Amino acid sequence: MKLIGSLASPYVRKVRIVMAEKRLDYEFVLEDVWSPDTVIGLSNPLGKVPCLVMEDGGAMFDSRVIVEYLDTMSPVGKLIPSAGRERASIKCWEALADGVLDAGILVRLERTLRPADRQSDVWIARQLQKVQQGLKAMSSGLGDHAFCAGKQFTLADVAVGSALGWIAFRFPEIDWRDDHPNLARLFDKLSERQSFRDTVPVA
């Protein structure tokens, strides 16, 4: 398998962590989708990473789709329950984490790609409010549990950890650690795992 991605993308990081936890072998190919020379469109018509390319040349994209597939490839470190409400709960955690990232990335793109005189402070504030609301919901859902889903490490923790790591990386002014100490404790614990240590985002 070949994973096309970047070292800064939290969605790519989520996939890389899952692959490490599942002990799956793959080739990691760096790609800058913002470069005029990017060839990501040859594998993903949407022009996004991550993109997983299989041995037969078939491609799979969207991190949620990829991690779902990867969890079926090995019985090691099962991350997603097979059915029922438990499964839905894990996927809701993932959707929440990805939603926080979606809003944060929109803010970053607005600030870095749009000329300053054309940026909308109102729109930026609306997206940042989604980030804050999402962090609050994560903190409330986590409570005093050891992991997002209770006592066991799951995809929920991978998604939340990836989101928190990216927020810390790109938005250091958001003081989520002091606002939500339980998220800080979870993130610190997750950061001790080799899969997280090996995938710390870099510019």
N, C-alpha and C. Protein backbone atom coordinates (compact mmCIF):
# COMPACT_ATOMS: atom_id res chain seq x y z
N MET A 1 0.84 -1.20 0.00
CA MET A 1 0.00 0.00 0.00
C MET A 1 0.87 1.24 0.00
N LYS A 2 0.31 2.33 -0.55
CA LYS A 2 1.01 3.61 -0.59
C LYS A 2 0.07 4.68 -0.04
N LEU A 3 0.53 5.42 0.95
CA LEU A 3 -0.26 6.51 1.52
C LEU A 3 0.32 7.82 1.03
N ILE A 4 -0.49 8.60 0.35
CA ILE A 4 -0.08 9.91 -0.13
C ILE A 4 -0.57 10.95 0.88
N GLY A 5 0.33 11.80 1.34
CA GLY A 5 -0.09 12.76 2.34
C GLY A 5 0.97 13.80 2.63
N SER A 6 0.76 14.56 3.71
CA SER A 6 1.70 15.58 4.14
C SER A 6 1.99 15.39 5.62
N LEU A 7 3.06 16.04 6.08
CA LEU A 7 3.46 15.91 7.48
C LEU A 7 2.67 16.85 8.39
N ALA A 8 1.92 17.78 7.81
CA ALA A 8 1.18 18.74 8.62
C ALA A 8 -0.31 18.41 8.72
N SER A 9 -0.83 17.63 7.80
CA SER A 9 -2.27 17.36 7.77
C SER A 9 -2.72 16.48 8.94
N PRO A 10 -3.70 16.94 9.71
CA PRO A 10 -4.20 16.12 10.81
C PRO A 10 -4.99 14.90 10.33
N TYR A 11 -5.57 15.00 9.15
CA TYR A 11 -6.31 13.86 8.60
C TYR A 11 -5.33 12.76 8.18
N VAL A 12 -4.20 13.18 7.60
CA VAL A 12 -3.15 12.22 7.27
C VAL A 12 -2.59 11.60 8.54
N ARG A 13 -2.40 12.44 9.56
CA ARG A 13 -1.86 11.92 10.82
C ARG A 13 -2.79 10.85 11.40
N LYS A 14 -4.08 11.09 11.33
CA LYS A 14 -5.04 10.11 11.84
C LYS A 14 -4.84 8.76 11.16
N VAL A 15 -4.68 8.78 9.85
CA VAL A 15 -4.47 7.54 9.10
C VAL A 15 -3.14 6.90 9.48
N ARG A 16 -2.10 7.70 9.59
CA ARG A 16 -0.78 7.16 9.93
C ARG A 16 -0.78 6.53 11.33
N ILE A 17 -1.49 7.14 12.27
CA ILE A 17 -1.57 6.57 13.61
C ILE A 17 -2.29 5.24 13.57
N VAL A 18 -3.39 5.18 12.82
CA VAL A 18 -4.13 3.91 12.71
C VAL A 18 -3.24 2.84 12.09
N MET A 19 -2.50 3.19 11.06
CA MET A 19 -1.63 2.20 10.41
C MET A 19 -0.56 1.71 11.38
N ALA A 20 -0.05 2.62 12.21
CA ALA A 20 0.96 2.21 13.19
C ALA A 20 0.35 1.32 14.26
N GLU A 21 -0.82 1.68 14.75
CA GLU A 21 -1.48 0.88 15.79
C GLU A 21 -1.88 -0.49 15.26
N LYS A 22 -2.20 -0.56 13.98
CA LYS A 22 -2.59 -1.83 13.35
C LYS A 22 -1.37 -2.61 12.84
N ARG A 23 -0.20 -1.99 12.92
CA ARG A 23 1.06 -2.60 12.48
C ARG A 23 1.02 -2.99 11.00
N LEU A 24 0.56 -2.06 10.20
CA LEU A 24 0.45 -2.29 8.76
C LEU A 24 1.63 -1.65 8.05
N ASP A 25 2.18 -2.36 7.08
CA ASP A 25 3.29 -1.84 6.29
C ASP A 25 2.75 -1.02 5.12
N TYR A 26 3.43 0.10 4.85
CA TYR A 26 3.01 0.94 3.73
C TYR A 26 4.16 1.87 3.36
N GLU A 27 4.05 2.45 2.18
CA GLU A 27 4.99 3.47 1.73
C GLU A 27 4.34 4.83 1.90
N PHE A 28 5.04 5.76 2.53
CA PHE A 28 4.50 7.10 2.75
C PHE A 28 5.09 8.04 1.71
N VAL A 29 4.23 8.62 0.88
CA VAL A 29 4.65 9.51 -0.20
C VAL A 29 4.18 10.93 0.12
N LEU A 30 5.14 11.84 0.27
CA LEU A 30 4.80 13.22 0.59
C LEU A 30 4.28 13.95 -0.65
N GLU A 31 3.25 14.75 -0.44
CA GLU A 31 2.65 15.49 -1.55
C GLU A 31 2.14 16.83 -1.04
N ASP A 32 2.49 17.90 -1.76
CA ASP A 32 1.99 19.24 -1.45
C ASP A 32 0.87 19.57 -2.41
N VAL A 33 -0.37 19.47 -1.92
CA VAL A 33 -1.52 19.66 -2.81
C VAL A 33 -1.67 21.11 -3.26
N TRP A 34 -0.97 22.05 -2.59
CA TRP A 34 -1.06 23.47 -2.95
C TRP A 34 0.00 23.86 -3.98
N SER A 35 0.91 22.94 -4.28
CA SER A 35 1.94 23.23 -5.27
C SER A 35 1.35 23.14 -6.68
N PRO A 36 1.80 24.03 -7.58
CA PRO A 36 1.32 23.93 -8.97
C PRO A 36 1.77 22.65 -9.65
N ASP A 37 2.76 21.99 -9.07
CA ASP A 37 3.27 20.74 -9.66
C ASP A 37 2.64 19.50 -9.04
N THR A 38 1.64 19.67 -8.19
CA THR A 38 1.05 18.51 -7.53
C THR A 38 0.45 17.53 -8.53
N VAL A 39 0.57 16.26 -8.19
CA VAL A 39 -0.01 15.22 -9.05
C VAL A 39 -1.07 14.43 -8.28
N ILE A 40 -1.57 14.99 -7.21
CA ILE A 40 -2.55 14.27 -6.39
C ILE A 40 -3.80 13.94 -7.18
N GLY A 41 -4.13 14.77 -8.17
CA GLY A 41 -5.32 14.53 -8.98
C GLY A 41 -5.29 13.23 -9.75
N LEU A 42 -4.09 12.67 -9.95
CA LEU A 42 -3.98 11.39 -10.64
C LEU A 42 -4.52 10.25 -9.79
N SER A 43 -4.52 10.44 -8.46
CA SER A 43 -5.00 9.40 -7.55
C SER A 43 -6.33 9.77 -6.90
N ASN A 44 -6.50 11.05 -6.59
CA ASN A 44 -7.74 11.52 -5.96
C ASN A 44 -8.28 12.69 -6.76
N PRO A 45 -9.39 12.51 -7.45
CA PRO A 45 -9.94 13.59 -8.28
C PRO A 45 -10.35 14.82 -7.46
N LEU A 46 -10.49 14.66 -6.15
CA LEU A 46 -10.85 15.79 -5.30
C LEU A 46 -9.62 16.62 -4.90
N GLY A 47 -8.43 16.10 -5.22
CA GLY A 47 -7.22 16.86 -4.97
C GLY A 47 -6.85 17.01 -3.51
N LYS A 48 -7.21 16.01 -2.70
CA LYS A 48 -6.97 16.09 -1.26
C LYS A 48 -6.12 14.92 -0.78
N VAL A 49 -5.49 15.12 0.37
CA VAL A 49 -4.84 14.04 1.10
C VAL A 49 -5.56 13.89 2.43
N PRO A 50 -5.53 12.67 2.99
CA PRO A 50 -4.79 11.49 2.56
C PRO A 50 -5.47 10.75 1.41
N CYS A 51 -4.64 10.00 0.71
CA CYS A 51 -5.14 9.11 -0.33
C CYS A 51 -4.37 7.80 -0.21
N LEU A 52 -5.10 6.71 -0.13
CA LEU A 52 -4.50 5.39 0.00
C LEU A 52 -4.57 4.68 -1.34
N VAL A 53 -3.40 4.28 -1.86
CA VAL A 53 -3.34 3.58 -3.14
C VAL A 53 -2.98 2.13 -2.87
N MET A 54 -3.84 1.22 -3.32
CA MET A 54 -3.64 -0.20 -3.10
C MET A 54 -2.72 -0.82 -4.16
N GLU A 55 -2.35 -2.06 -3.92
CA GLU A 55 -1.42 -2.74 -4.83
C GLU A 55 -1.96 -2.86 -6.25
N ASP A 56 -3.28 -2.95 -6.39
CA ASP A 56 -3.86 -3.08 -7.73
C ASP A 56 -4.06 -1.73 -8.41
N GLY A 57 -3.63 -0.65 -7.74
CA GLY A 57 -3.75 0.68 -8.33
C GLY A 57 -5.01 1.42 -7.92
N GLY A 58 -5.93 0.72 -7.29
CA GLY A 58 -7.14 1.38 -6.83
C GLY A 58 -6.85 2.35 -5.71
N ALA A 59 -7.59 3.45 -5.66
CA ALA A 59 -7.35 4.49 -4.67
C ALA A 59 -8.55 4.66 -3.75
N MET A 60 -8.26 5.02 -2.53
CA MET A 60 -9.28 5.25 -1.53
C MET A 60 -8.99 6.60 -0.89
N PHE A 61 -10.00 7.45 -0.74
CA PHE A 61 -9.77 8.75 -0.15
C PHE A 61 -10.86 9.11 0.86
N ASP A 62 -10.54 10.15 1.63
CA ASP A 62 -11.26 10.60 2.82
C ASP A 62 -10.78 9.76 4.01
N SER A 63 -10.25 10.46 5.01
CA SER A 63 -9.63 9.75 6.13
C SER A 63 -10.61 8.82 6.84
N ARG A 64 -11.87 9.21 6.91
CA ARG A 64 -12.85 8.36 7.62
C ARG A 64 -13.06 7.04 6.88
N VAL A 65 -13.08 7.11 5.56
CA VAL A 65 -13.22 5.90 4.76
C VAL A 65 -11.97 5.03 4.90
N ILE A 66 -10.80 5.66 4.83
CA ILE A 66 -9.55 4.92 4.88
C ILE A 66 -9.38 4.19 6.20
N VAL A 67 -9.61 4.89 7.33
CA VAL A 67 -9.38 4.23 8.62
C VAL A 67 -10.39 3.11 8.87
N GLU A 68 -11.59 3.27 8.34
CA GLU A 68 -12.58 2.20 8.46
C GLU A 68 -12.08 0.94 7.75
N TYR A 69 -11.52 1.14 6.56
CA TYR A 69 -10.99 0.01 5.80
C TYR A 69 -9.79 -0.60 6.51
N LEU A 70 -8.89 0.25 6.98
CA LEU A 70 -7.67 -0.25 7.62
C LEU A 70 -7.97 -1.09 8.86
N ASP A 71 -9.01 -0.74 9.58
CA ASP A 71 -9.33 -1.47 10.81
C ASP A 71 -9.76 -2.91 10.51
N THR A 72 -10.17 -3.17 9.27
CA THR A 72 -10.58 -4.53 8.89
C THR A 72 -9.39 -5.37 8.41
N MET A 73 -8.23 -4.75 8.23
CA MET A 73 -7.11 -5.45 7.60
C MET A 73 -6.29 -6.29 8.56
N SER A 74 -6.48 -6.06 9.85
CA SER A 74 -5.71 -6.83 10.84
C SER A 74 -6.50 -6.90 12.14
N PRO A 75 -6.46 -8.04 12.81
CA PRO A 75 -7.14 -8.16 14.09
C PRO A 75 -6.40 -7.44 15.22
N VAL A 76 -5.17 -7.00 14.93
CA VAL A 76 -4.37 -6.30 15.93
C VAL A 76 -4.96 -4.94 16.23
N GLY A 77 -5.11 -4.63 17.52
CA GLY A 77 -5.53 -3.29 17.92
C GLY A 77 -6.84 -2.84 17.32
N LYS A 78 -7.90 -3.61 17.49
CA LYS A 78 -9.20 -3.25 16.95
C LYS A 78 -9.62 -1.88 17.46
N LEU A 79 -9.96 -0.96 16.55
CA LEU A 79 -10.22 0.42 16.91
C LEU A 79 -11.68 0.85 16.77
N ILE A 80 -12.45 0.06 16.01
CA ILE A 80 -13.85 0.41 15.76
C ILE A 80 -14.73 -0.79 16.07
N PRO A 81 -15.70 -0.66 16.96
CA PRO A 81 -16.62 -1.77 17.23
C PRO A 81 -17.33 -2.20 15.95
N SER A 82 -17.72 -3.45 15.90
CA SER A 82 -18.27 -3.99 14.65
C SER A 82 -19.68 -3.51 14.33
N ALA A 83 -20.47 -3.19 15.35
CA ALA A 83 -21.86 -2.82 15.07
C ALA A 83 -22.48 -2.13 16.27
N GLY A 84 -23.69 -1.63 16.04
CA GLY A 84 -24.50 -1.11 17.14
C GLY A 84 -24.13 0.28 17.61
N ARG A 85 -24.68 0.61 18.77
CA ARG A 85 -24.51 1.95 19.31
C ARG A 85 -23.06 2.27 19.65
N GLU A 86 -22.30 1.25 20.08
CA GLU A 86 -20.89 1.49 20.40
C GLU A 86 -20.13 1.96 19.17
N ARG A 87 -20.43 1.32 18.04
CA ARG A 87 -19.78 1.72 16.79
C ARG A 87 -20.18 3.14 16.42
N ALA A 88 -21.46 3.44 16.51
CA ALA A 88 -21.95 4.78 16.17
C ALA A 88 -21.32 5.84 17.07
N SER A 89 -21.13 5.49 18.34
CA SER A 89 -20.52 6.44 19.28
C SER A 89 -19.10 6.79 18.87
N ILE A 90 -18.32 5.78 18.48
CA ILE A 90 -16.94 6.02 18.05
C ILE A 90 -16.93 6.89 16.80
N LYS A 91 -17.82 6.62 15.86
CA LYS A 91 -17.87 7.39 14.63
C LYS A 91 -18.34 8.83 14.89
N CYS A 92 -19.17 9.03 15.90
CA CYS A 92 -19.59 10.38 16.27
C CYS A 92 -18.42 11.17 16.85
N TRP A 93 -17.60 10.50 17.67
CA TRP A 93 -16.39 11.14 18.18
C TRP A 93 -15.50 11.57 17.01
N GLU A 94 -15.35 10.69 16.04
CA GLU A 94 -14.52 11.02 14.89
C GLU A 94 -15.10 12.20 14.11
N ALA A 95 -16.41 12.20 13.93
CA ALA A 95 -17.06 13.30 13.21
C ALA A 95 -16.88 14.62 13.96
N LEU A 96 -16.95 14.57 15.29
CA LEU A 96 -16.76 15.77 16.09
C LEU A 96 -15.34 16.30 15.93
N ALA A 97 -14.36 15.42 16.05
CA ALA A 97 -12.96 15.82 15.91
C ALA A 97 -12.69 16.38 14.51
N ASP A 98 -13.20 15.70 13.49
CA ASP A 98 -13.00 16.17 12.12
C ASP A 98 -13.71 17.49 11.89
N GLY A 99 -14.86 17.69 12.52
CA GLY A 99 -15.58 18.95 12.39
C GLY A 99 -14.81 20.12 12.98
N VAL A 100 -14.18 19.88 14.12
CA VAL A 100 -13.32 20.91 14.71
C VAL A 100 -12.19 21.26 13.74
N LEU A 101 -11.58 20.23 13.15
CA LEU A 101 -10.51 20.45 12.19
C LEU A 101 -11.01 21.18 10.95
N ASP A 102 -12.16 20.79 10.44
CA ASP A 102 -12.72 21.45 9.26
C ASP A 102 -12.83 22.95 9.48
N ALA A 103 -13.38 23.33 10.64
CA ALA A 103 -13.56 24.75 10.95
C ALA A 103 -12.21 25.45 11.11
N GLY A 104 -11.28 24.81 11.81
CA GLY A 104 -9.97 25.40 12.01
C GLY A 104 -9.22 25.58 10.71
N ILE A 105 -9.31 24.60 9.83
CA ILE A 105 -8.60 24.69 8.55
C ILE A 105 -9.19 25.79 7.68
N LEU A 106 -10.50 25.98 7.74
CA LEU A 106 -11.12 27.07 6.98
C LEU A 106 -10.59 28.43 7.46
N VAL A 107 -10.40 28.57 8.76
CA VAL A 107 -9.84 29.81 9.29
C VAL A 107 -8.42 30.00 8.79
N ARG A 108 -7.63 28.94 8.86
CA ARG A 108 -6.24 29.04 8.41
C ARG A 108 -6.16 29.39 6.93
N LEU A 109 -6.98 28.77 6.11
CA LEU A 109 -6.97 29.08 4.68
C LEU A 109 -7.41 30.51 4.42
N GLU A 110 -8.40 30.98 5.15
CA GLU A 110 -8.86 32.37 5.01
C GLU A 110 -7.72 33.34 5.33
N ARG A 111 -6.99 33.04 6.38
CA ARG A 111 -5.94 33.96 6.83
C ARG A 111 -4.68 33.88 5.99
N THR A 112 -4.41 32.73 5.40
CA THR A 112 -3.15 32.57 4.67
C THR A 112 -3.27 32.70 3.16
N LEU A 113 -4.44 32.40 2.61
CA LEU A 113 -4.59 32.42 1.15
C LEU A 113 -5.37 33.61 0.62
N ARG A 114 -6.21 34.22 1.46
CA ARG A 114 -7.02 35.35 1.00
C ARG A 114 -6.34 36.66 1.39
N PRO A 115 -6.31 37.65 0.49
CA PRO A 115 -5.72 38.95 0.85
C PRO A 115 -6.39 39.53 2.10
N ALA A 116 -5.62 40.21 2.92
CA ALA A 116 -6.10 40.71 4.20
C ALA A 116 -7.34 41.59 4.05
N ASP A 117 -7.38 42.40 2.98
CA ASP A 117 -8.51 43.32 2.82
C ASP A 117 -9.79 42.62 2.35
N ARG A 118 -9.68 41.33 2.05
CA ARG A 118 -10.86 40.58 1.61
C ARG A 118 -11.28 39.52 2.63
N GLN A 119 -10.57 39.44 3.74
CA GLN A 119 -10.91 38.47 4.78
C GLN A 119 -12.13 38.94 5.57
N SER A 120 -12.94 37.99 5.97
CA SER A 120 -14.15 38.30 6.73
C SER A 120 -13.95 37.96 8.20
N ASP A 121 -13.87 38.98 9.04
CA ASP A 121 -13.71 38.75 10.48
C ASP A 121 -14.93 38.04 11.05
N VAL A 122 -16.09 38.36 10.53
CA VAL A 122 -17.32 37.72 11.02
C VAL A 122 -17.30 36.23 10.70
N TRP A 123 -16.90 35.89 9.49
CA TRP A 123 -16.85 34.49 9.08
C TRP A 123 -15.79 33.73 9.86
N ILE A 124 -14.62 34.36 10.08
CA ILE A 124 -13.57 33.73 10.87
C ILE A 124 -14.05 33.47 12.29
N ALA A 125 -14.73 34.47 12.87
CA ALA A 125 -15.23 34.31 14.23
C ALA A 125 -16.24 33.17 14.32
N ARG A 126 -17.05 33.01 13.28
CA ARG A 126 -18.04 31.93 13.27
C ARG A 126 -17.35 30.57 13.26
N GLN A 127 -16.29 30.42 12.47
CA GLN A 127 -15.57 29.16 12.42
C GLN A 127 -14.84 28.88 13.73
N LEU A 128 -14.24 29.91 14.32
CA LEU A 128 -13.56 29.73 15.59
C LEU A 128 -14.53 29.36 16.71
N GLN A 129 -15.75 29.86 16.60
CA GLN A 129 -16.77 29.47 17.58
C GLN A 129 -17.08 27.99 17.47
N LYS A 130 -17.08 27.46 16.24
CA LYS A 130 -17.30 26.03 16.05
C LYS A 130 -16.16 25.23 16.69
N VAL A 131 -14.94 25.73 16.56
CA VAL A 131 -13.80 25.07 17.18
C VAL A 131 -13.99 25.03 18.70
N GLN A 132 -14.34 26.17 19.28
CA GLN A 132 -14.51 26.24 20.73
C GLN A 132 -15.67 25.37 21.21
N GLN A 133 -16.75 25.37 20.46
CA GLN A 133 -17.90 24.52 20.83
C GLN A 133 -17.54 23.05 20.71
N GLY A 134 -16.77 22.71 19.70
CA GLY A 134 -16.35 21.33 19.53
C GLY A 134 -15.44 20.88 20.66
N LEU A 135 -14.50 21.73 21.05
CA LEU A 135 -13.61 21.40 22.16
C LEU A 135 -14.41 21.22 23.46
N LYS A 136 -15.39 22.08 23.66
CA LYS A 136 -16.23 21.97 24.86
C LYS A 136 -17.00 20.66 24.85
N ALA A 137 -17.52 20.26 23.69
CA ALA A 137 -18.25 19.00 23.58
C ALA A 137 -17.34 17.82 23.82
N MET A 138 -16.11 17.88 23.31
CA MET A 138 -15.14 16.81 23.57
C MET A 138 -14.88 16.67 25.06
N SER A 139 -14.65 17.80 25.72
CA SER A 139 -14.36 17.79 27.15
C SER A 139 -15.53 17.22 27.94
N SER A 140 -16.75 17.63 27.57
CA SER A 140 -17.94 17.13 28.25
C SER A 140 -18.10 15.63 28.04
N GLY A 141 -17.88 15.17 26.81
CA GLY A 141 -18.03 13.75 26.51
C GLY A 141 -16.98 12.89 27.18
N LEU A 142 -15.77 13.44 27.31
CA LEU A 142 -14.69 12.70 27.95
C LEU A 142 -14.90 12.58 29.45
N GLY A 143 -15.32 13.66 30.08
CA GLY A 143 -15.52 13.63 31.52
C GLY A 143 -14.26 13.21 32.25
N ASP A 144 -14.41 12.26 33.17
CA ASP A 144 -13.24 11.77 33.91
C ASP A 144 -12.81 10.38 33.45
N HIS A 145 -13.24 10.00 32.22
CA HIS A 145 -12.87 8.69 31.68
C HIS A 145 -11.40 8.68 31.26
N ALA A 146 -10.84 7.49 31.19
CA ALA A 146 -9.45 7.34 30.77
C ALA A 146 -9.30 7.62 29.28
N PHE A 147 -10.30 7.21 28.49
CA PHE A 147 -10.30 7.42 27.05
C PHE A 147 -11.67 7.92 26.62
N CYS A 148 -11.76 8.36 25.38
CA CYS A 148 -13.02 8.92 24.89
C CYS A 148 -14.19 7.96 25.03
N ALA A 149 -13.93 6.68 24.76
CA ALA A 149 -15.00 5.68 24.82
C ALA A 149 -15.02 4.93 26.15
N GLY A 150 -14.33 5.46 27.17
CA GLY A 150 -14.35 4.82 28.47
C GLY A 150 -12.98 4.33 28.89
N LYS A 151 -12.80 3.00 28.88
CA LYS A 151 -11.55 2.41 29.37
C LYS A 151 -10.61 1.94 28.27
N GLN A 152 -11.07 1.97 27.02
CA GLN A 152 -10.30 1.37 25.93
C GLN A 152 -9.90 2.40 24.88
N PHE A 153 -8.67 2.31 24.39
CA PHE A 153 -8.17 3.14 23.30
C PHE A 153 -8.87 2.74 22.01
N THR A 154 -9.45 3.72 21.32
CA THR A 154 -10.19 3.46 20.08
C THR A 154 -9.89 4.54 19.04
N LEU A 155 -10.55 4.42 17.91
CA LEU A 155 -10.43 5.44 16.87
C LEU A 155 -10.85 6.81 17.38
N ALA A 156 -11.75 6.85 18.35
CA ALA A 156 -12.16 8.14 18.91
C ALA A 156 -10.96 8.89 19.46
N ASP A 157 -10.08 8.19 20.16
CA ASP A 157 -8.90 8.82 20.73
C ASP A 157 -7.91 9.24 19.65
N VAL A 158 -7.80 8.43 18.60
CA VAL A 158 -6.93 8.77 17.48
C VAL A 158 -7.40 10.08 16.85
N ALA A 159 -8.71 10.18 16.61
CA ALA A 159 -9.27 11.36 15.96
C ALA A 159 -9.15 12.59 16.85
N VAL A 160 -9.51 12.44 18.12
CA VAL A 160 -9.44 13.58 19.04
C VAL A 160 -8.00 14.00 19.26
N GLY A 161 -7.10 13.04 19.44
CA GLY A 161 -5.69 13.36 19.62
C GLY A 161 -5.11 14.08 18.42
N SER A 162 -5.48 13.65 17.22
CA SER A 162 -5.00 14.30 16.00
C SER A 162 -5.52 15.74 15.91
N ALA A 163 -6.77 15.92 16.29
CA ALA A 163 -7.36 17.26 16.25
C ALA A 163 -6.70 18.19 17.27
N LEU A 164 -6.52 17.70 18.49
CA LEU A 164 -5.90 18.53 19.52
C LEU A 164 -4.45 18.87 19.16
N GLY A 165 -3.74 17.92 18.59
CA GLY A 165 -2.36 18.17 18.19
C GLY A 165 -2.27 19.23 17.12
N TRP A 166 -3.21 19.21 16.18
CA TRP A 166 -3.19 20.20 15.10
C TRP A 166 -3.58 21.58 15.62
N ILE A 167 -4.56 21.64 16.50
CA ILE A 167 -4.95 22.94 17.08
C ILE A 167 -3.76 23.54 17.83
N ALA A 168 -3.06 22.72 18.60
CA ALA A 168 -1.88 23.21 19.32
C ALA A 168 -0.80 23.67 18.34
N PHE A 169 -0.69 23.01 17.22
CA PHE A 169 0.32 23.30 16.21
C PHE A 169 0.02 24.58 15.44
N ARG A 170 -1.22 24.75 15.02
CA ARG A 170 -1.59 25.87 14.16
C ARG A 170 -2.24 27.04 14.90
N PHE A 171 -2.83 26.79 16.05
CA PHE A 171 -3.51 27.85 16.81
C PHE A 171 -3.05 27.86 18.26
N PRO A 172 -1.78 28.18 18.51
CA PRO A 172 -1.28 28.18 19.89
C PRO A 172 -1.99 29.18 20.78
N GLU A 173 -2.66 30.17 20.17
CA GLU A 173 -3.38 31.16 20.97
C GLU A 173 -4.67 30.61 21.57
N ILE A 174 -5.15 29.47 21.10
CA ILE A 174 -6.34 28.85 21.68
C ILE A 174 -5.91 28.05 22.91
N ASP A 175 -6.31 28.50 24.07
CA ASP A 175 -5.82 27.92 25.32
C ASP A 175 -6.72 26.76 25.77
N TRP A 176 -6.79 25.73 24.94
CA TRP A 176 -7.69 24.61 25.25
C TRP A 176 -7.18 23.78 26.43
N ARG A 177 -5.88 23.79 26.68
CA ARG A 177 -5.34 22.99 27.78
C ARG A 177 -5.83 23.52 29.13
N ASP A 178 -5.80 24.83 29.32
CA ASP A 178 -6.29 25.41 30.58
C ASP A 178 -7.81 25.38 30.65
N ASP A 179 -8.47 25.58 29.50
CA ASP A 179 -9.93 25.58 29.48
C ASP A 179 -10.50 24.18 29.73
N HIS A 180 -9.79 23.16 29.27
CA HIS A 180 -10.29 21.78 29.37
C HIS A 180 -9.16 20.86 29.86
N PRO A 181 -8.88 20.87 31.14
CA PRO A 181 -7.76 20.07 31.67
C PRO A 181 -7.88 18.58 31.38
N ASN A 182 -9.11 18.07 31.28
CA ASN A 182 -9.24 16.64 31.00
C ASN A 182 -8.78 16.31 29.58
N LEU A 183 -9.00 17.24 28.64
CA LEU A 183 -8.47 17.03 27.29
C LEU A 183 -6.95 17.07 27.29
N ALA A 184 -6.39 17.96 28.10
CA ALA A 184 -4.93 18.05 28.20
C ALA A 184 -4.35 16.76 28.75
N ARG A 185 -5.00 16.18 29.77
CA ARG A 185 -4.52 14.92 30.34
C ARG A 185 -4.59 13.80 29.31
N LEU A 186 -5.71 13.74 28.58
CA LEU A 186 -5.84 12.72 27.54
C LEU A 186 -4.76 12.90 26.48
N PHE A 187 -4.57 14.13 26.02
CA PHE A 187 -3.60 14.38 24.97
C PHE A 187 -2.19 14.02 25.42
N ASP A 188 -1.85 14.35 26.65
CA ASP A 188 -0.52 14.02 27.16
C ASP A 188 -0.31 12.51 27.22
N LYS A 189 -1.36 11.79 27.60
CA LYS A 189 -1.27 10.33 27.65
C LYS A 189 -1.14 9.75 26.24
N LEU A 190 -1.92 10.26 25.32
CA LEU A 190 -1.85 9.78 23.94
C LEU A 190 -0.48 10.08 23.34
N SER A 191 0.08 11.21 23.69
CA SER A 191 1.37 11.63 23.12
C SER A 191 2.51 10.74 23.54
N GLU A 192 2.29 9.90 24.54
CA GLU A 192 3.32 8.94 24.96
C GLU A 192 3.34 7.70 24.08
N ARG A 193 2.27 7.48 23.31
CA ARG A 193 2.22 6.32 22.43
C ARG A 193 3.18 6.53 21.26
N GLN A 194 3.84 5.46 20.84
CA GLN A 194 4.81 5.58 19.76
C GLN A 194 4.16 6.08 18.48
N SER A 195 2.92 5.67 18.22
CA SER A 195 2.22 6.09 17.00
C SER A 195 2.02 7.60 16.95
N PHE A 196 1.80 8.21 18.11
CA PHE A 196 1.65 9.66 18.18
C PHE A 196 3.02 10.34 18.13
N ARG A 197 3.99 9.77 18.80
CA ARG A 197 5.33 10.36 18.83
C ARG A 197 5.95 10.40 17.45
N ASP A 198 5.64 9.41 16.63
CA ASP A 198 6.22 9.32 15.29
C ASP A 198 5.51 10.19 14.26
N THR A 199 4.40 10.80 14.64
CA THR A 199 3.59 11.54 13.64
C THR A 199 3.32 12.97 14.06
N VAL A 200 4.14 13.54 14.93
CA VAL A 200 3.95 14.93 15.36
C VAL A 200 3.99 15.83 14.12
N PRO A 201 3.00 16.71 13.95
CA PRO A 201 2.95 17.54 12.73
C PRO A 201 4.11 18.52 12.64
N VAL A 202 4.59 18.72 11.42
CA VAL A 202 5.64 19.70 11.13
C VAL A 202 5.23 20.48 9.89
N ALA A 203 5.70 21.70 9.82
CA ALA A 203 5.35 22.57 8.68
C ALA A 203 6.07 22.11 7.42
